[in-house]
Every structure is written in structure tokens, then in C-alpha cells.
Amino acid sequence: MYANGKVALVTGAAQGIGRAMVEELLQKGAVLALVDQNCIAGDLCKASLDEQYGSHRTLFIQCDVTDQEQLKDAFRKTVEHFGRLDILVNNAGVNNEKDWEKTIEVNLTSVIRGTYLGLEIMRKNNGGHGGVIINISSLAGLTPAAYQPVYSASKHGVIGFTRSIAALASIGNYGVRINSVCPAFVDTPLLESIEKEENMGELFKYKDRIKDMMKCYGVLDPSLIAKGMIDLIEDDASNGAVMKITTSRGIHFEEFGVQQKTKI
């Protein structure tokens, strides 16, 4: 599916990976709802984009993705404003090992809820036009992350949920493809969280080890993650795909073995 003329909703859209995705989608001809909790950052983001693309191309919606009613309202406002929804990017994420419940709520629960809200609007067997959902996970969702165990758990959950709901969408003929993107370290404000004890809690003492890992493996530019997302949107064969993005190998995919049947 090509993004030109399509309607997209991106959470965590005001900065970092979300901002890069918004710009890539705009360049491809889409119109967008920019969903972000930070009102100041959201307004500044929209004002900047309006200068380049025109005010009619974007709609900013302030929303705490952990608030069920606010998230529902964001989807409602998007459809009311643009008339439909074709592309959903569940991107909002945090790293907070101290307040680990919040990490689960933002990184996993809101992704699940957002996916279901998007499917309700887009799936063809419910009167929708079909579409694509991209759920942002992390390389930490595929490997152990000793210094960020809850962040890792939340991102593992995103992959498991995405692959499972993608299989259901195929079986149910929803007309919606659902994929995940798993970047390594990315140059976003999220990296700054390891420098704060209020985010890392007792794991704060390991911050230098995480910084050493960044130096070893490198840090990605958000624009590369946005380009990978466009690849998944445009590739009509991709459903349940787990795209990995690293400095050493660029864009590539996780290969899973043949699923074995389990006797019950």
C-alpha cells in the first residue's frame, strides 16, 4: 500500500522516531494525526510541519496513551477530521525501570489498545477500508537487556502480540497487515532516561555500562527507522514481520523457525 493520499495516526509523534515517521509519511503524500502527550512539543512540531507542508496536512491531538478514553478520543477525532484511517503507528514509548508499571502501560498496554482501536476502524469485515499497523518494539524485545529488564519485557510483549494479532487478522480476512519494527539504540530523548535515577532506580549504577554498549554498537538516526516503516507499509506481503534495524546490518528481518504444533 502506498502512503500517498492515505490517512495516518502516529503516537509519540512530536519528537524522535515518531517525528521522523511523520515527516517520511508527509513526504510520501499522506495526511496525519500527530498524537502526543507533550502539548508544547506537539504544537511546535505541527507549526514546523505546517510551514513546509501546509496546515491542512496534519492534526495535533494531545493524548496520554495510557488513558483509555483519551486514546479512544484521539482515534475518533482523526476519523472525524480526515474521514478515515489507513495507517496506524503505535510508537509512544518510555524507559522507566523505577516506575515499571508505567513502562508496561505505555510500551505494551497502549500498543495493544491502540491496535484494537485501529482494527475496529480499519478492518474490512467491520466496514473499514483495510490498512496497515506498525508497532514499534526494540532490539531489546528480541534479546535479554540486563540493565533494562522491564523495558525488555514490554518490548518482547509487543513482538508476541503483533505476530499473534497479525495471524488472527490473516485468518479473519481483516484486510489489515500488522508488523513490528525493532531498532537498536536510536538518537532520541529516550536515551537520556538512563542518565536519571528517577527513571532507572537501583539500575542507575549501571548507566555507564549502557553508555559503553552505545559506543560499541553505535546509535541509529531516526530517519532510518522511518524508512524501514515505509518499506513495511508498501510491501503488501509483509504481515507479522519483525524488522530489525542496526548500525552493522541496517534493515533486515528476524527469521523464526517453523512453528511446531503443540498437543493439548
Protein backbone atom coordinates (compact mmCIF):
# COMPACT_ATOMS: atom_id res chain seq x y z
CA MET A 1 0.00 0.00 0.00
CA TYR A 2 1.32 3.41 -0.92
CA ALA A 3 1.02 6.24 1.61
CA ASN A 4 0.02 8.86 -0.95
CA GLY A 5 -3.49 10.11 -0.16
CA LYS A 6 -3.77 7.89 2.93
CA VAL A 7 -4.64 8.92 6.49
CA ALA A 8 -2.19 8.00 9.25
CA LEU A 9 -2.18 8.26 13.03
CA VAL A 10 1.17 8.27 14.84
CA THR A 11 1.54 8.19 18.62
CA GLY A 12 4.56 9.78 20.27
CA ALA A 13 4.70 11.91 17.15
CA ALA A 14 6.31 15.13 18.39
CA GLN A 15 9.95 14.05 18.58
CA GLY A 16 12.42 11.25 17.99
CA ILE A 17 11.30 8.25 15.94
CA GLY A 18 7.70 9.50 15.83
CA ARG A 19 8.71 12.84 14.34
CA ALA A 20 10.88 11.12 11.73
CA MET A 21 7.98 8.84 10.78
CA VAL A 22 5.61 11.78 10.47
CA GLU A 23 7.98 13.58 8.11
CA GLU A 24 8.53 10.46 6.00
CA LEU A 25 4.78 9.89 5.67
CA LEU A 26 4.20 13.53 4.73
CA GLN A 27 6.88 13.29 2.06
CA LYS A 28 5.08 10.23 0.71
CA GLY A 29 1.83 12.18 0.40
CA ALA A 30 -0.12 11.12 3.49
CA VAL A 31 -2.11 13.28 5.89
CA LEU A 32 -1.64 12.69 9.59
CA ALA A 33 -2.92 12.91 13.12
CA LEU A 34 0.01 13.71 15.40
CA VAL A 35 -0.75 12.20 18.81
CA ASP A 36 1.50 13.16 21.73
CA GLN A 37 1.20 13.83 25.45
CA ASN A 38 3.53 16.83 25.32
CA CYS A 39 1.40 19.77 24.23
CA ILE A 40 4.29 22.21 23.82
CA ALA A 41 6.37 19.79 21.74
CA GLY A 42 3.27 18.86 19.72
CA ASP A 43 2.37 22.45 18.92
CA LEU A 44 5.96 23.24 17.92
CA CYS A 45 6.11 20.12 15.76
CA LYS A 46 2.88 20.97 13.96
CA ALA A 47 3.91 24.62 13.44
CA SER A 48 7.18 23.50 11.87
CA LEU A 49 5.46 20.96 9.62
CA ASP A 50 2.78 23.48 8.62
CA GLU A 51 5.46 25.78 7.18
CA GLN A 52 6.72 23.03 4.91
CA TYR A 53 3.61 21.01 4.09
CA GLY A 54 0.63 23.27 4.82
CA SER A 55 -1.67 23.32 7.84
CA HIS A 56 -4.25 21.04 6.20
CA ARG A 57 -1.87 18.05 6.17
CA THR A 58 -1.67 17.47 9.93
CA LEU A 59 -3.85 17.48 13.03
CA PHE A 60 -2.27 17.61 16.50
CA ILE A 61 -4.10 15.77 19.28
CA GLN A 62 -2.82 15.94 22.84
CA CYS A 63 -3.24 12.50 24.38
CA ASP A 64 -1.91 10.37 27.22
CA VAL A 65 -1.86 6.94 25.56
CA THR A 66 -2.26 5.25 28.94
CA ASP A 67 -5.66 6.93 29.37
CA GLN A 68 -8.18 4.69 27.63
CA GLU A 69 -10.72 7.44 26.98
CA GLN A 70 -8.14 9.91 25.68
CA LEU A 71 -6.79 7.31 23.28
CA LYS A 72 -10.28 6.44 22.04
CA ASP A 73 -10.95 10.13 21.56
CA ALA A 74 -7.77 10.54 19.50
CA PHE A 75 -8.96 7.89 17.05
CA ARG A 76 -12.44 9.44 16.96
CA LYS A 77 -11.04 12.92 16.23
CA THR A 78 -8.81 11.53 13.49
CA VAL A 79 -11.71 9.90 11.66
CA GLU A 80 -13.96 12.91 12.16
CA HIS A 81 -11.30 15.24 10.75
CA PHE A 82 -9.93 13.17 7.86
CA GLY A 83 -12.85 10.83 7.18
CA ARG A 84 -11.00 7.52 7.55
CA LEU A 85 -7.86 5.78 8.88
CA ASP A 86 -5.43 3.76 6.76
CA ILE A 87 -2.13 3.66 8.65
CA LEU A 88 -1.51 3.40 12.39
CA VAL A 89 1.91 3.67 14.03
CA ASN A 90 1.92 2.75 17.73
CA ASN A 91 5.19 4.44 18.56
CA ALA A 92 4.85 6.06 22.01
CA GLY A 93 7.34 4.57 24.43
CA VAL A 94 9.23 5.19 27.68
CA ASN A 95 12.12 3.71 29.64
CA ASN A 96 11.37 3.77 33.35
CA GLU A 97 12.67 0.84 35.36
CA LYS A 98 11.77 2.53 38.66
CA ASP A 99 8.11 3.09 37.78
CA TRP A 100 7.93 -0.18 35.89
CA GLU A 101 4.13 -0.26 35.82
CA LYS A 102 4.20 2.91 33.71
CA THR A 103 6.65 1.28 31.30
CA ILE A 104 4.27 -1.63 30.79
CA GLU A 105 1.28 0.72 30.39
CA VAL A 106 2.96 2.90 27.75
CA ASN A 107 5.07 0.37 25.88
CA LEU A 108 2.72 -2.60 25.81
CA THR A 109 -0.81 -1.89 27.05
CA SER A 110 -1.24 1.23 24.91
CA VAL A 111 0.09 -0.65 21.87
CA ILE A 112 -2.44 -3.42 22.39
CA ARG A 113 -5.27 -0.97 22.97
CA GLY A 114 -4.23 1.17 20.01
CA THR A 115 -4.08 -1.87 17.74
CA TYR A 116 -7.60 -2.93 18.71
CA LEU A 117 -8.92 0.59 18.21
CA GLY A 118 -7.25 0.76 14.81
CA LEU A 119 -8.62 -2.63 13.78
CA GLU A 120 -12.12 -1.61 14.80
CA ILE A 121 -11.94 1.26 12.32
CA MET A 122 -9.91 -0.30 9.51
CA ARG A 123 -10.81 -3.96 9.21
CA LYS A 124 -12.89 -4.77 6.15
CA ASN A 125 -15.21 -7.19 7.92
CA ASN A 126 -16.27 -4.29 10.13
CA GLY A 127 -16.95 -1.81 7.33
CA GLY A 128 -13.43 -0.41 7.08
CA HIS A 129 -11.14 0.02 4.09
CA GLY A 130 -8.26 -2.11 5.35
CA GLY A 131 -4.84 -0.74 6.21
CA VAL A 132 -1.52 -1.22 7.94
CA ILE A 133 -0.49 -1.12 11.60
CA ILE A 134 3.14 -0.73 12.67
CA ASN A 135 4.00 -1.44 16.31
CA ILE A 136 7.36 -0.14 17.47
CA SER A 137 9.30 -2.63 19.54
CA SER A 138 13.07 -2.74 20.06
CA LEU A 139 16.06 -5.00 19.65
CA ALA A 140 15.64 -5.37 23.43
CA GLY A 141 12.43 -7.22 22.57
CA LEU A 142 14.46 -9.99 20.94
CA THR A 143 17.41 -10.29 23.33
CA PRO A 144 17.92 -10.00 27.09
CA ALA A 145 18.61 -6.48 28.36
CA ALA A 146 20.13 -6.98 31.80
CA TYR A 147 20.04 -3.31 32.76
CA GLN A 148 16.51 -2.67 31.45
CA PRO A 149 14.53 -5.82 32.33
CA VAL A 150 11.04 -4.29 32.34
CA TYR A 151 11.68 -2.27 29.17
CA SER A 152 12.87 -5.50 27.56
CA ALA A 153 9.81 -7.39 28.80
CA SER A 154 7.45 -4.75 27.41
CA LYS A 155 9.14 -4.88 24.00
CA HIS A 156 9.11 -8.70 23.95
CA GLY A 157 5.38 -8.39 24.60
CA VAL A 158 4.92 -6.08 21.62
CA ILE A 159 6.52 -8.63 19.31
CA GLY A 160 4.48 -11.54 20.66
CA PHE A 161 1.24 -9.57 20.44
CA THR A 162 1.99 -8.22 16.96
CA ARG A 163 2.82 -11.61 15.47
CA SER A 164 -0.25 -13.18 17.07
CA ILE A 165 -2.74 -10.48 16.09
CA ALA A 166 -1.26 -10.45 12.57
CA ALA A 167 -2.00 -14.16 12.29
CA LEU A 168 -5.56 -13.56 13.51
CA ALA A 169 -6.01 -10.71 11.01
CA SER A 170 -4.97 -13.05 8.21
CA ILE A 171 -7.28 -15.84 9.35
CA GLY A 172 -10.17 -13.41 9.81
CA ASN A 173 -9.62 -11.65 6.45
CA TYR A 174 -9.42 -8.26 8.16
CA GLY A 175 -7.62 -6.65 5.23
CA VAL A 176 -5.17 -5.15 7.74
CA ARG A 177 -1.48 -6.04 7.93
CA ILE A 178 0.29 -5.73 11.28
CA ASN A 179 4.08 -5.62 11.63
CA SER A 180 6.72 -4.59 14.17
CA VAL A 181 9.97 -2.64 13.95
CA CYS A 182 12.86 -3.41 16.31
CA PRO A 183 15.61 -0.79 16.25
CA ALA A 184 18.83 -0.91 18.23
CA PHE A 185 19.90 2.29 20.05
CA VAL A 186 18.35 5.34 18.36
CA ASP A 187 19.27 9.01 18.80
CA THR A 188 16.11 10.11 20.64
CA PRO A 189 15.28 11.68 24.03
CA LEU A 190 14.61 8.13 25.31
CA LEU A 191 18.37 7.57 25.56
CA GLU A 192 18.61 10.41 28.06
CA SER A 193 16.47 8.43 30.51
CA ILE A 194 19.42 6.24 31.53
CA GLU A 195 21.10 9.35 32.97
CA LYS A 196 18.30 9.84 35.51
CA GLU A 197 17.95 7.95 38.77
CA GLU A 198 14.21 8.67 38.77
CA ASN A 199 13.98 6.55 35.62
CA MET A 200 16.50 3.81 36.34
CA GLY A 201 16.03 3.29 40.08
CA GLU A 202 18.56 0.83 41.51
CA LEU A 203 19.79 0.11 37.98
CA PHE A 204 21.11 3.68 37.71
CA LYS A 205 24.51 2.38 38.84
CA TYR A 206 24.82 0.55 35.52
CA LYS A 207 24.31 3.62 33.34
CA ASP A 208 27.95 3.71 32.23
CA ARG A 209 27.71 0.11 31.05
CA ILE A 210 24.72 1.03 28.88
CA LYS A 211 26.66 4.01 27.51
CA ASP A 212 29.57 1.69 26.71
CA MET A 213 27.15 -0.53 24.77
CA MET A 214 26.03 2.51 22.77
CA LYS A 215 29.64 3.27 21.88
CA CYS A 216 30.23 -0.36 20.91
CA TYR A 217 27.12 -0.87 18.78
CA GLY A 218 26.53 2.68 17.61
CA VAL A 219 23.42 4.86 17.60
CA LEU A 220 20.95 4.99 14.73
CA ASP A 221 19.43 8.09 13.18
CA PRO A 222 15.60 8.13 13.50
CA SER A 223 15.28 8.66 9.75
CA LEU A 224 16.45 5.10 9.07
CA ILE A 225 13.69 3.68 11.28
CA ALA A 226 11.18 5.82 9.37
CA LYS A 227 12.43 4.44 6.06
CA GLY A 228 12.07 0.90 7.36
CA MET A 229 8.50 1.65 8.39
CA ILE A 230 7.71 2.86 4.87
CA ASP A 231 9.09 -0.40 3.49
CA LEU A 232 6.65 -2.35 5.69
CA ILE A 233 3.74 -0.14 4.67
CA GLU A 234 4.46 -0.51 0.96
CA ASP A 235 5.21 -4.25 1.00
CA ASP A 236 1.81 -5.90 0.66
CA ALA A 237 3.32 -9.30 1.52
CA SER A 238 4.52 -8.22 4.97
CA ASN A 239 2.26 -9.35 7.80
CA GLY A 240 3.57 -10.38 11.21
CA ALA A 241 7.07 -9.34 10.10
CA VAL A 242 9.69 -8.38 12.69
CA MET A 243 12.03 -5.84 11.11
CA LYS A 244 15.37 -5.29 12.84
CA ILE A 245 17.46 -2.17 12.28
CA THR A 246 21.08 -1.98 13.44
CA THR A 247 24.17 0.07 12.60
CA SER A 248 26.05 -3.04 11.46
CA ARG A 249 23.41 -4.62 9.21
CA GLY A 250 20.94 -1.84 8.51
CA ILE A 251 17.39 -3.01 7.77
CA HIS A 252 16.88 -6.78 7.99
CA PHE A 253 14.40 -9.25 9.43
CA GLU A 254 14.22 -11.70 12.30
CA GLU A 255 13.85 -15.23 10.99
CA PHE A 256 11.66 -17.54 13.03
CA GLY A 257 11.72 -21.32 12.80
CA VAL A 258 8.77 -23.42 11.67
CA GLN A 259 6.10 -23.31 14.34
CA GLN A 260 5.60 -26.66 15.99
CA LYS A 261 2.11 -27.93 16.79
CA THR A 262 1.54 -28.46 20.49
CA LYS A 263 -0.58 -31.31 21.73
CA ILE A 264 -3.20 -30.34 24.29
